[in-house]
Amino acid sequence: MLIRLMPIPAMLVSAMCAASMIACGGEFEPAVAPLSSQTATEYSANASVIGVDASSALDATLSTASQLVQGMAGSLNAGRKQALATSSGALNCAAGGQATMTISGASLLQELNGQLDAGEVYQIAFVDCRGAAKQAVLNGNVTMTVAKSSGGVAAVTLSTTTLNATLPRGMLSFIGSADVQRTVIPSDGGSDVTTRVTASSLTITTDFSGRTGNFTLSDVNLTRQASYSDAGLQSISYDGTHSLAGISAGQAFEYTVATQGGATYNANGIPTQGAWVITLPHQIVTTSVADGTATIAVGDGKDGNSDRSFSVSTVLLTAGAG
């Protein structure tokens, strides 16, 4: 008996391929569930806080170290041997606490001149140390390598496995290295400070009001601008990008964060104005802040369209970070 096989229609082949991608040699791409409002809020909270607070902590570390260097020369005992001359005893920090420092990498005269010099390497141990700006309480050890220092500009690399900084929101602990450049311009009754922080990867643990988080901050390129008066820090703004990875609600996440024209914060780290965009593998979340309210728009796709939006107060938003 002759059996004739009829050709299978193309539409049926496509349907069969969709049902069994292995047989057709393709890759199955499962449907992506819409991002819940709760998860979008958590992502927005961490996007608005982790990179910002990390930049503030590293800025405070460089600022405080610079102040200690200025006071170190006077604290050294005259007549000590050169091998010991650049190891300090306990130094008092400007607003409380202590630190010890060891300097290497330059001539004795440079190491004792009370200022940062290119090529110097500082080993610093902080104990409840708080700088003159009263931004952060620092603990732990850090290695600071000076790349440049002149005309109000200091550029260093900070490396640590034990540094932690307590800010108004809570504590951040650091493992890794970051390049920090700080430019100070005096103004009437204060100063304007611009700090750029770049890093390939930093491991950060946060403790905000009992909430503990573990994050990897990578591809960091953030610029911090701060205004100070005699009364202390007045305002802060941030601009730039970074990537953030961690675990939220038992699920691993990774996304990039980019500010849109910069974001402004008050002295306590609460955002007051601005916007940033969170880009996930399958969604985009845009957060806009004004008048104490954060509006969060979620797009379930990368076509730039918002599928839904909702609002929360900026206080509640940042309280959920960490």
C-alpha atoms as a PDB file:
ATOM      1  CA  MET A   1       0.000   0.000   0.000  1.00  0.00           C
ATOM      2  CA  LEU A   2       1.358   3.432  -0.920  1.00  0.00           C
ATOM      3  CA  ILE A   3       0.952   6.073   1.757  1.00  0.00           C
ATOM      4  CA  ARG A   4       1.361   9.658   0.619  1.00  0.00           C
ATOM      5  CA  LEU A   5       2.528  12.202   3.236  1.00  0.00           C
ATOM      6  CA  MET A   6       0.966  15.599   2.836  1.00  0.00           C
ATOM      7  CA  PRO A   7       3.108  18.690   3.571  1.00  0.00           C
ATOM      8  CA  ILE A   8       2.463  20.389   6.917  1.00  0.00           C
ATOM      9  CA  PRO A   9       1.211  23.964   6.554  1.00  0.00           C
ATOM     10  CA  ALA A  10       3.684  26.681   7.597  1.00  0.00           C
ATOM     11  CA  MET A  11       1.320  28.084  10.248  1.00  0.00           C
ATOM     12  CA  LEU A  12       1.112  24.670  11.896  1.00  0.00           C
ATOM     13  CA  VAL A  13       4.914  24.408  11.877  1.00  0.00           C
ATOM     14  CA  SER A  14       5.147  27.766  13.654  1.00  0.00           C
ATOM     15  CA  ALA A  15       2.640  26.654  16.258  1.00  0.00           C
ATOM     16  CA  MET A  16       4.544  23.447  16.825  1.00  0.00           C
ATOM     17  CA  CYS A  17       7.797  25.377  17.206  1.00  0.00           C
ATOM     18  CA  ALA A  18       6.235  27.668  19.783  1.00  0.00           C
ATOM     19  CA  ALA A  19       5.108  24.633  21.755  1.00  0.00           C
ATOM     20  CA  SER A  20       8.457  22.840  21.542  1.00  0.00           C
ATOM     21  CA  MET A  21      11.351  25.242  21.048  1.00  0.00           C
ATOM     22  CA  ILE A  22      13.922  22.520  21.627  1.00  0.00           C
ATOM     23  CA  ALA A  23      12.707  20.554  18.611  1.00  0.00           C
ATOM     24  CA  CYS A  24      12.990  23.654  16.443  1.00  0.00           C
ATOM     25  CA  GLY A  25      16.401  24.670  17.733  1.00  0.00           C
ATOM     26  CA  GLY A  26      15.261  27.955  19.280  1.00  0.00           C
ATOM     27  CA  GLU A  27      15.265  29.463  22.770  1.00  0.00           C
ATOM     28  CA  PHE A  28      12.117  29.733  24.818  1.00  0.00           C
ATOM     29  CA  GLU A  29      11.558  33.180  26.322  1.00  0.00           C
ATOM     30  CA  PRO A  30       8.948  32.980  29.082  1.00  0.00           C
ATOM     31  CA  ALA A  31       6.432  35.721  29.622  1.00  0.00           C
ATOM     32  CA  VAL A  32       7.525  38.351  32.138  1.00  0.00           C
ATOM     33  CA  ALA A  33       5.129  39.164  34.945  1.00  0.00           C
ATOM     34  CA  PRO A  34       4.295  42.843  35.455  1.00  0.00           C
ATOM     35  CA  LEU A  35       6.340  44.575  38.141  1.00  0.00           C
ATOM     36  CA  SER A  36       4.270  44.977  41.298  1.00  0.00           C
ATOM     37  CA  SER A  37       3.846  48.402  42.898  1.00  0.00           C
ATOM     38  CA  GLN A  38       5.544  47.153  46.063  1.00  0.00           C
ATOM     39  CA  THR A  39       8.610  45.923  44.178  1.00  0.00           C
ATOM     40  CA  ALA A  40       8.766  49.095  42.080  1.00  0.00           C
ATOM     41  CA  THR A  41       8.690  51.152  45.293  1.00  0.00           C
ATOM     42  CA  GLU A  42      11.503  49.087  46.831  1.00  0.00           C
ATOM     43  CA  TYR A  43      13.598  49.498  43.693  1.00  0.00           C
ATOM     44  CA  SER A  44      12.960  53.256  43.670  1.00  0.00           C
ATOM     45  CA  ALA A  45      13.855  53.543  47.354  1.00  0.00           C
ATOM     46  CA  ASN A  46      17.214  51.826  46.948  1.00  0.00           C
ATOM     47  CA  ALA A  47      17.942  53.608  43.673  1.00  0.00           C
ATOM     48  CA  SER A  48      17.410  56.959  45.372  1.00  0.00           C
ATOM     49  CA  VAL A  49      19.486  56.173  48.466  1.00  0.00           C
ATOM     50  CA  ILE A  50      22.313  53.622  48.143  1.00  0.00           C
ATOM     51  CA  GLY A  51      24.493  55.392  45.569  1.00  0.00           C
ATOM     52  CA  VAL A  52      23.799  58.787  47.116  1.00  0.00           C
ATOM     53  CA  ASP A  53      24.720  57.723  50.650  1.00  0.00           C
ATOM     54  CA  ALA A  54      27.796  55.850  49.434  1.00  0.00           C
ATOM     55  CA  SER A  55      29.007  59.011  47.697  1.00  0.00           C
ATOM     56  CA  SER A  56      28.368  61.083  50.834  1.00  0.00           C
ATOM     57  CA  ALA A  57      30.279  58.600  52.987  1.00  0.00           C
ATOM     58  CA  LEU A  58      33.298  58.537  50.662  1.00  0.00           C
ATOM     59  CA  ASP A  59      33.253  62.333  50.398  1.00  0.00           C
ATOM     60  CA  ALA A  60      33.246  62.546  54.204  1.00  0.00           C
ATOM     61  CA  THR A  61      36.138  60.081  54.386  1.00  0.00           C
ATOM     62  CA  LEU A  62      38.330  62.191  52.102  1.00  0.00           C
ATOM     63  CA  SER A  63      37.300  65.438  53.802  1.00  0.00           C
ATOM     64  CA  THR A  64      37.989  64.072  57.292  1.00  0.00           C
ATOM     65  CA  ALA A  65      41.317  62.551  56.242  1.00  0.00           C
ATOM     66  CA  SER A  66      42.412  65.901  54.763  1.00  0.00           C
ATOM     67  CA  GLN A  67      41.631  67.631  58.058  1.00  0.00           C
ATOM     68  CA  LEU A  68      43.619  65.026  59.989  1.00  0.00           C
ATOM     69  CA  VAL A  69      46.617  65.482  57.689  1.00  0.00           C
ATOM     70  CA  GLN A  70      46.588  69.218  58.351  1.00  0.00           C
ATOM     71  CA  GLY A  71      46.726  68.601  62.087  1.00  0.00           C
ATOM     72  CA  MET A  72      49.149  65.687  61.971  1.00  0.00           C
ATOM     73  CA  ALA A  73      52.395  67.654  61.508  1.00  0.00           C
ATOM     74  CA  GLY A  74      51.857  69.554  64.735  1.00  0.00           C
ATOM     75  CA  SER A  75      51.137  66.383  66.654  1.00  0.00           C
ATOM     76  CA  LEU A  76      54.421  64.672  65.761  1.00  0.00           C
ATOM     77  CA  ASN A  77      57.114  64.786  68.407  1.00  0.00           C
ATOM     78  CA  ALA A  78      60.236  66.663  67.370  1.00  0.00           C
ATOM     79  CA  GLY A  79      63.466  64.684  67.322  1.00  0.00           C
ATOM     80  CA  ARG A  80      61.960  61.275  66.517  1.00  0.00           C
ATOM     81  CA  LYS A  81      63.841  59.099  64.090  1.00  0.00           C
ATOM     82  CA  GLN A  82      62.872  59.446  60.454  1.00  0.00           C
ATOM     83  CA  ALA A  83      61.564  55.875  60.367  1.00  0.00           C
ATOM     84  CA  LEU A  84      59.008  56.808  63.029  1.00  0.00           C
ATOM     85  CA  ALA A  85      58.380  60.420  62.134  1.00  0.00           C
ATOM     86  CA  THR A  86      55.418  59.802  59.893  1.00  0.00           C
ATOM     87  CA  SER A  87      53.446  57.529  62.209  1.00  0.00           C
ATOM     88  CA  SER A  88      51.042  59.536  64.306  1.00  0.00           C
ATOM     89  CA  GLY A  89      49.758  58.868  67.749  1.00  0.00           C
ATOM     90  CA  ALA A  90      46.060  59.327  68.378  1.00  0.00           C
ATOM     91  CA  LEU A  91      44.737  62.360  66.500  1.00  0.00           C
ATOM     92  CA  ASN A  92      41.593  64.122  67.657  1.00  0.00           C
ATOM     93  CA  CYS A  93      38.950  64.465  64.962  1.00  0.00           C
ATOM     94  CA  ALA A  94      37.356  67.889  64.536  1.00  0.00           C
ATOM     95  CA  ALA A  95      33.902  66.961  65.858  1.00  0.00           C
ATOM     96  CA  GLY A  96      34.757  64.011  68.078  1.00  0.00           C
ATOM     97  CA  GLY A  97      36.513  60.669  68.000  1.00  0.00           C
ATOM     98  CA  GLN A  98      40.077  59.813  67.098  1.00  0.00           C
ATOM     99  CA  ALA A  99      42.231  58.420  64.315  1.00  0.00           C
ATOM    100  CA  THR A 100      45.777  57.217  63.724  1.00  0.00           C
ATOM    101  CA  MET A 101      47.707  57.574  60.470  1.00  0.00           C
ATOM    102  CA  THR A 102      50.862  56.293  58.851  1.00  0.00           C
ATOM    103  CA  ILE A 103      52.282  58.014  55.753  1.00  0.00           C
ATOM    104  CA  SER A 104      54.616  56.593  53.117  1.00  0.00           C
ATOM    105  CA  GLY A 105      55.520  57.168  49.489  1.00  0.00           C
ATOM    106  CA  ALA A 106      57.081  60.646  49.619  1.00  0.00           C
ATOM    107  CA  SER A 107      60.035  62.504  51.090  1.00  0.00           C
ATOM    108  CA  LEU A 108      60.110  63.212  54.809  1.00  0.00           C
ATOM    109  CA  LEU A 109      59.564  66.921  54.231  1.00  0.00           C
ATOM    110  CA  GLN A 110      56.508  66.245  52.096  1.00  0.00           C
ATOM    111  CA  GLU A 111      55.097  63.759  54.551  1.00  0.00           C
ATOM    112  CA  LEU A 112      55.395  66.292  57.372  1.00  0.00           C
ATOM    113  CA  ASN A 113      54.113  69.383  55.522  1.00  0.00           C
ATOM    114  CA  GLY A 114      50.516  69.057  56.736  1.00  0.00           C
ATOM    115  CA  GLN A 115      48.956  68.637  53.291  1.00  0.00           C
ATOM    116  CA  LEU A 116      48.199  65.932  50.769  1.00  0.00           C
ATOM    117  CA  ASP A 117      50.885  65.382  48.117  1.00  0.00           C
ATOM    118  CA  ALA A 118      50.770  63.224  44.990  1.00  0.00           C
ATOM    119  CA  GLY A 119      52.338  59.837  45.613  1.00  0.00           C
ATOM    120  CA  GLU A 120      51.663  59.719  49.337  1.00  0.00           C
ATOM    121  CA  VAL A 121      49.943  56.666  50.782  1.00  0.00           C
ATOM    122  CA  TYR A 122      48.041  56.978  54.062  1.00  0.00           C
ATOM    123  CA  GLN A 123      47.018  54.102  56.311  1.00  0.00           C
ATOM    124  CA  ILE A 124      44.206  55.501  58.473  1.00  0.00           C
ATOM    125  CA  ALA A 125      42.332  53.911  61.362  1.00  0.00           C
ATOM    126  CA  PHE A 126      39.152  55.728  62.444  1.00  0.00           C
ATOM    127  CA  VAL A 127      37.507  55.341  65.855  1.00  0.00           C
ATOM    128  CA  ASP A 128      34.170  57.191  66.081  1.00  0.00           C
ATOM    129  CA  CYS A 129      35.822  59.942  64.037  1.00  0.00           C
ATOM    130  CA  ARG A 130      33.708  62.873  62.865  1.00  0.00           C
ATOM    131  CA  GLY A 131      34.993  65.661  60.629  1.00  0.00           C
ATOM    132  CA  ALA A 132      34.314  69.377  60.896  1.00  0.00           C
ATOM    133  CA  ALA A 133      31.275  69.173  58.575  1.00  0.00           C
ATOM    134  CA  LYS A 134      29.695  66.601  60.935  1.00  0.00           C
ATOM    135  CA  GLN A 135      28.505  64.572  57.956  1.00  0.00           C
ATOM    136  CA  ALA A 136      29.482  61.085  59.059  1.00  0.00           C
ATOM    137  CA  VAL A 137      30.913  59.130  61.978  1.00  0.00           C
ATOM    138  CA  LEU A 138      33.727  56.945  60.636  1.00  0.00           C
ATOM    139  CA  ASN A 139      35.083  53.658  61.965  1.00  0.00           C
ATOM    140  CA  GLY A 140      37.491  51.116  60.509  1.00  0.00           C
ATOM    141  CA  ASN A 141      40.616  51.185  58.389  1.00  0.00           C
ATOM    142  CA  VAL A 142      41.211  52.707  54.984  1.00  0.00           C
ATOM    143  CA  THR A 143      44.177  53.078  52.631  1.00  0.00           C
ATOM    144  CA  MET A 144      44.246  56.426  50.830  1.00  0.00           C
ATOM    145  CA  THR A 145      46.577  56.858  47.844  1.00  0.00           C
ATOM    146  CA  VAL A 146      46.950  60.445  46.631  1.00  0.00           C
ATOM    147  CA  ALA A 147      46.950  60.960  42.850  1.00  0.00           C
ATOM    148  CA  LYS A 148      46.680  64.762  42.848  1.00  0.00           C
ATOM    149  CA  SER A 149      46.433  67.636  45.286  1.00  0.00           C
ATOM    150  CA  SER A 150      46.628  71.275  44.268  1.00  0.00           C
ATOM    151  CA  GLY A 151      44.513  74.414  43.985  1.00  0.00           C
ATOM    152  CA  GLY A 152      41.660  73.139  46.124  1.00  0.00           C
ATOM    153  CA  VAL A 153      41.446  69.832  44.231  1.00  0.00           C
ATOM    154  CA  ALA A 154      42.314  66.493  45.838  1.00  0.00           C
ATOM    155  CA  ALA A 155      42.107  63.210  43.923  1.00  0.00           C
ATOM    156  CA  VAL A 156      42.653  59.938  45.792  1.00  0.00           C
ATOM    157  CA  THR A 157      41.920  56.237  45.707  1.00  0.00           C
ATOM    158  CA  LEU A 158      40.250  54.873  48.838  1.00  0.00           C
ATOM    159  CA  SER A 159      40.565  51.126  49.511  1.00  0.00           C
ATOM    160  CA  THR A 160      39.047  49.291  52.460  1.00  0.00           C
ATOM    161  CA  THR A 161      37.616  46.090  53.843  1.00  0.00           C
ATOM    162  CA  THR A 162      36.443  47.488  57.190  1.00  0.00           C
ATOM    163  CA  LEU A 163      35.317  51.104  56.710  1.00  0.00           C
ATOM    164  CA  ASN A 164      31.857  51.987  57.954  1.00  0.00           C
ATOM    165  CA  ALA A 165      30.171  55.365  57.993  1.00  0.00           C
ATOM    166  CA  THR A 166      27.149  56.418  60.015  1.00  0.00           C
ATOM    167  CA  LEU A 167      25.003  59.026  58.253  1.00  0.00           C
ATOM    168  CA  PRO A 168      21.653  60.546  59.307  1.00  0.00           C
ATOM    169  CA  ARG A 169      19.841  57.606  57.660  1.00  0.00           C
ATOM    170  CA  GLY A 170      22.010  54.893  59.213  1.00  0.00           C
ATOM    171  CA  MET A 171      25.242  52.992  58.636  1.00  0.00           C
ATOM    172  CA  LEU A 172      27.004  51.810  55.475  1.00  0.00           C
ATOM    173  CA  SER A 173      29.927  49.362  55.465  1.00  0.00           C
ATOM    174  CA  PHE A 174      32.320  49.163  52.510  1.00  0.00           C
ATOM    175  CA  ILE A 175      34.535  46.569  50.853  1.00  0.00           C
ATOM    176  CA  GLY A 176      36.391  47.654  47.715  1.00  0.00           C
ATOM    177  CA  SER A 177      38.105  50.627  46.116  1.00  0.00           C
ATOM    178  CA  ALA A 178      36.865  53.925  44.717  1.00  0.00           C
ATOM    179  CA  ASP A 179      38.443  56.949  43.083  1.00  0.00           C
ATOM    180  CA  VAL A 180      37.316  60.177  44.734  1.00  0.00           C
ATOM    181  CA  GLN A 181      38.041  63.687  43.468  1.00  0.00           C
ATOM    182  CA  ARG A 182      37.013  66.593  45.692  1.00  0.00           C
ATOM    183  CA  THR A 183      37.068  70.251  44.629  1.00  0.00           C
ATOM    184  CA  VAL A 184      36.494  72.991  47.218  1.00  0.00           C
ATOM    185  CA  ILE A 185      35.602  76.554  46.194  1.00  0.00           C
ATOM    186  CA  PRO A 186      35.298  79.051  49.062  1.00  0.00           C
ATOM    187  CA  SER A 187      32.195  81.242  49.061  1.00  0.00           C
ATOM    188  CA  ASP A 188      30.820  83.962  51.318  1.00  0.00           C
ATOM    189  CA  GLY A 189      30.401  82.394  54.724  1.00  0.00           C
ATOM    190  CA  GLY A 190      30.978  78.857  53.500  1.00  0.00           C
ATOM    191  CA  SER A 191      32.084  76.753  50.548  1.00  0.00           C
ATOM    192  CA  ASP A 192      30.836  74.870  47.508  1.00  0.00           C
ATOM    193  CA  VAL A 193      32.207  71.342  47.170  1.00  0.00           C
ATOM    194  CA  THR A 194      32.051  69.122  44.089  1.00  0.00           C
ATOM    195  CA  THR A 195      32.953  65.470  44.560  1.00  0.00           C
ATOM    196  CA  ARG A 196      33.155  62.887  41.803  1.00  0.00           C
ATOM    197  CA  VAL A 197      33.113  59.208  42.776  1.00  0.00           C
ATOM    198  CA  THR A 198      33.974  56.440  40.315  1.00  0.00           C
ATOM    199  CA  ALA A 199      34.297  52.733  41.059  1.00  0.00           C
ATOM    200  CA  SER A 200      34.097  49.467  39.154  1.00  0.00           C
ATOM    201  CA  SER A 201      32.589  47.585  42.103  1.00  0.00           C
ATOM    202  CA  LEU A 202      31.862  48.182  45.798  1.00  0.00           C
ATOM    203  CA  THR A 203      30.289  45.746  48.233  1.00  0.00           C
ATOM    204  CA  ILE A 204      28.011  47.660  50.598  1.00  0.00           C
ATOM    205  CA  THR A 205      26.096  46.538  53.669  1.00  0.00           C
ATOM    206  CA  THR A 206      23.470  48.921  55.017  1.00  0.00           C
ATOM    207  CA  ASP A 207      21.761  49.190  58.387  1.00  0.00           C
ATOM    208  CA  PHE A 208      18.951  51.748  58.160  1.00  0.00           C
ATOM    209  CA  SER A 209      16.599  51.827  61.163  1.00  0.00           C
ATOM    210  CA  GLY A 210      16.995  48.102  61.723  1.00  0.00           C
ATOM    211  CA  ARG A 211      16.685  47.219  58.022  1.00  0.00           C
ATOM    212  CA  THR A 212      19.789  45.391  56.809  1.00  0.00           C
ATOM    213  CA  GLY A 213      20.676  45.121  53.142  1.00  0.00           C
ATOM    214  CA  ASN A 214      23.566  43.708  51.111  1.00  0.00           C
ATOM    215  CA  PHE A 215      24.316  45.314  47.769  1.00  0.00           C
ATOM    216  CA  THR A 216      26.878  45.447  44.990  1.00  0.00           C
ATOM    217  CA  LEU A 217      27.336  48.939  43.608  1.00  0.00           C
ATOM    218  CA  SER A 218      29.094  48.857  40.227  1.00  0.00           C
ATOM    219  CA  ASP A 219      29.933  51.040  37.223  1.00  0.00           C
ATOM    220  CA  VAL A 220      29.735  54.029  39.553  1.00  0.00           C
ATOM    221  CA  ASN A 221      30.054  57.503  38.047  1.00  0.00           C
ATOM    222  CA  LEU A 222      28.400  59.982  40.410  1.00  0.00           C
ATOM    223  CA  THR A 223      28.994  63.674  40.958  1.00  0.00           C
ATOM    224  CA  ARG A 224      27.972  65.224  44.271  1.00  0.00           C
ATOM    225  CA  GLN A 225      27.619  68.980  44.722  1.00  0.00           C
ATOM    226  CA  ALA A 226      27.228  70.324  48.252  1.00  0.00           C
ATOM    227  CA  SER A 227      26.819  73.800  49.701  1.00  0.00           C
ATOM    228  CA  TYR A 228      28.083  74.575  53.189  1.00  0.00           C
ATOM    229  CA  SER A 229      27.612  77.586  55.434  1.00  0.00           C
ATOM    230  CA  ASP A 230      28.966  78.344  58.885  1.00  0.00           C
ATOM    231  CA  ALA A 231      25.973  76.388  60.201  1.00  0.00           C
ATOM    232  CA  GLY A 232      26.985  73.262  58.262  1.00  0.00           C
ATOM    233  CA  LEU A 233      25.646  71.384  55.239  1.00  0.00           C
ATOM    234  CA  GLN A 234      22.800  73.207  53.492  1.00  0.00           C
ATOM    235  CA  SER A 235      21.926  71.188  50.389  1.00  0.00           C
ATOM    236  CA  ILE A 236      23.195  68.399  48.149  1.00  0.00           C
ATOM    237  CA  SER A 237      22.612  67.478  44.533  1.00  0.00           C
ATOM    238  CA  TYR A 238      23.668  64.384  42.612  1.00  0.00           C
ATOM    239  CA  ASP A 239      24.063  63.544  38.958  1.00  0.00           C
ATOM    240  CA  GLY A 240      25.292  60.438  37.183  1.00  0.00           C
ATOM    241  CA  THR A 241      24.831  56.691  36.851  1.00  0.00           C
ATOM    242  CA  HIS A 242      25.461  53.441  38.699  1.00  0.00           C
ATOM    243  CA  SER A 243      24.330  49.830  38.747  1.00  0.00           C
ATOM    244  CA  LEU A 244      22.849  48.165  41.796  1.00  0.00           C
ATOM    245  CA  ALA A 245      22.460  44.466  42.549  1.00  0.00           C
ATOM    246  CA  GLY A 246      21.135  42.657  45.607  1.00  0.00           C
ATOM    247  CA  ILE A 247      18.209  40.681  46.962  1.00  0.00           C
ATOM    248  CA  SER A 248      14.734  42.060  47.603  1.00  0.00           C
ATOM    249  CA  ALA A 249      11.816  40.012  48.972  1.00  0.00           C
ATOM    250  CA  GLY A 250      13.878  36.878  48.451  1.00  0.00           C
ATOM    251  CA  GLN A 251      14.500  37.617  44.768  1.00  0.00           C
ATOM    252  CA  ALA A 252      17.813  38.657  43.231  1.00  0.00           C
ATOM    253  CA  PHE A 253      17.749  41.881  41.224  1.00  0.00           C
ATOM    254  CA  GLU A 254      20.098  44.018  39.167  1.00  0.00           C
ATOM    255  CA  TYR A 255      19.389  47.322  37.466  1.00  0.00           C
ATOM    256  CA  THR A 256      21.020  50.543  36.319  1.00  0.00           C
ATOM    257  CA  VAL A 257      20.156  53.956  37.726  1.00  0.00           C
ATOM    258  CA  ALA A 258      20.566  57.272  35.906  1.00  0.00           C
ATOM    259  CA  THR A 259      19.565  60.706  37.133  1.00  0.00           C
ATOM    260  CA  GLN A 260      17.722  63.013  34.757  1.00  0.00           C
ATOM    261  CA  GLY A 261      19.330  66.415  35.101  1.00  0.00           C
ATOM    262  CA  GLY A 262      20.340  65.767  38.701  1.00  0.00           C
ATOM    263  CA  ALA A 263      18.458  65.202  41.937  1.00  0.00           C
ATOM    264  CA  THR A 264      18.472  67.474  44.998  1.00  0.00           C
ATOM    265  CA  TYR A 265      18.477  66.277  48.620  1.00  0.00           C
ATOM    266  CA  ASN A 266      18.233  67.997  51.981  1.00  0.00           C
ATOM    267  CA  ALA A 267      20.874  67.673  54.699  1.00  0.00           C
ATOM    268  CA  ASN A 268      19.186  64.523  56.051  1.00  0.00           C
ATOM    269  CA  GLY A 269      19.362  62.731  52.703  1.00  0.00           C
ATOM    270  CA  ILE A 270      15.677  63.066  51.733  1.00  0.00           C
ATOM    271  CA  PRO A 271      15.174  63.850  48.014  1.00  0.00           C
ATOM    272  CA  THR A 272      13.459  67.186  47.391  1.00  0.00           C
ATOM    273  CA  GLN A 273      13.566  67.610  43.610  1.00  0.00           C
ATOM    274  CA  GLY A 274      14.569  65.675  40.507  1.00  0.00           C
ATOM    275  CA  ALA A 275      14.118  62.374  38.708  1.00  0.00           C
ATOM    276  CA  TRP A 276      15.948  59.151  37.998  1.00  0.00           C
ATOM    277  CA  VAL A 277      15.393  56.193  35.696  1.00  0.00           C
ATOM    278  CA  ILE A 278      15.778  52.541  36.707  1.00  0.00           C
ATOM    279  CA  THR A 279      16.400  50.182  33.796  1.00  0.00           C
ATOM    280  CA  LEU A 280      15.692  46.496  34.408  1.00  0.00           C
ATOM    281  CA  PRO A 281      16.021  43.660  31.879  1.00  0.00           C
ATOM    282  CA  HIS A 282      12.311  43.900  30.950  1.00  0.00           C
ATOM    283  CA  GLN A 283      10.961  47.060  32.633  1.00  0.00           C
ATOM    284  CA  ILE A 284      11.722  50.711  33.128  1.00  0.00           C
ATOM    285  CA  VAL A 285      10.815  52.557  36.326  1.00  0.00           C
ATOM    286  CA  THR A 286      10.916  56.362  36.429  1.00  0.00           C
ATOM    287  CA  THR A 287      10.777  58.181  39.752  1.00  0.00           C
ATOM    288  CA  SER A 288      10.062  61.923  39.875  1.00  0.00           C
ATOM    289  CA  VAL A 289      10.233  63.928  43.086  1.00  0.00           C
ATOM    290  CA  ALA A 290       8.655  67.305  43.914  1.00  0.00           C
ATOM    291  CA  ASP A 291       6.888  68.908  46.886  1.00  0.00           C
ATOM    292  CA  GLY A 292       7.510  65.974  49.208  1.00  0.00           C
ATOM    293  CA  THR A 293       5.985  63.419  46.838  1.00  0.00           C
ATOM    294  CA  ALA A 294       7.622  60.737  44.698  1.00  0.00           C
ATOM    295  CA  THR A 295       5.703  59.689  41.593  1.00  0.00           C
ATOM    296  CA  ILE A 296       6.703  56.242  40.369  1.00  0.00           C
ATOM    297  CA  ALA A 297       5.883  55.294  36.773  1.00  0.00           C
ATOM    298  CA  VAL A 298       6.287  51.676  35.644  1.00  0.00           C
ATOM    299  CA  GLY A 299       6.671  50.568  32.045  1.00  0.00           C
ATOM    300  CA  ASP A 300       6.391  46.797  31.496  1.00  0.00           C
ATOM    301  CA  GLY A 301       8.621  46.915  28.463  1.00  0.00           C
ATOM    302  CA  LYS A 302      11.344  49.105  27.037  1.00  0.00           C
ATOM    303  CA  ASP A 303       9.265  51.113  24.604  1.00  0.00           C
ATOM    304  CA  GLY A 304       9.424  54.166  26.876  1.00  0.00           C
ATOM    305  CA  ASN A 305       5.707  54.094  27.623  1.00  0.00           C
ATOM    306  CA  SER A 306       4.335  54.125  31.161  1.00  0.00           C
ATOM    307  CA  ASP A 307       1.725  51.444  31.882  1.00  0.00           C
ATOM    308  CA  ARG A 308       0.792  52.761  35.321  1.00  0.00           C
ATOM    309  CA  SER A 309       1.931  55.211  37.989  1.00  0.00           C
ATOM    310  CA  PHE A 310       1.359  55.905  41.674  1.00  0.00           C
ATOM    311  CA  SER A 311       2.694  58.251  44.361  1.00  0.00           C
ATOM    312  CA  VAL A 312       4.234  57.968  47.833  1.00  0.00           C
ATOM    313  CA  SER A 313       5.728  60.552  50.162  1.00  0.00           C
ATOM    314  CA  THR A 314       9.498  60.955  49.886  1.00  0.00           C
ATOM    315  CA  VAL A 315       9.855  60.253  53.624  1.00  0.00           C
ATOM    316  CA  LEU A 316       8.081  56.902  53.264  1.00  0.00           C
ATOM    317  CA  LEU A 317       9.972  56.117  50.068  1.00  0.00           C
ATOM    318  CA  THR A 318      13.427  56.542  51.576  1.00  0.00           C
ATOM    319  CA  ALA A 319      12.351  54.831  54.825  1.00  0.00           C
ATOM    320  CA  GLY A 320      12.003  51.633  52.791  1.00  0.00           C
ATOM    321  CA  ALA A 321      15.607  51.679  51.553  1.00  0.00           C
ATOM    322  CA  GLY A 322      18.194  49.145  52.646  1.00  0.00           C
END
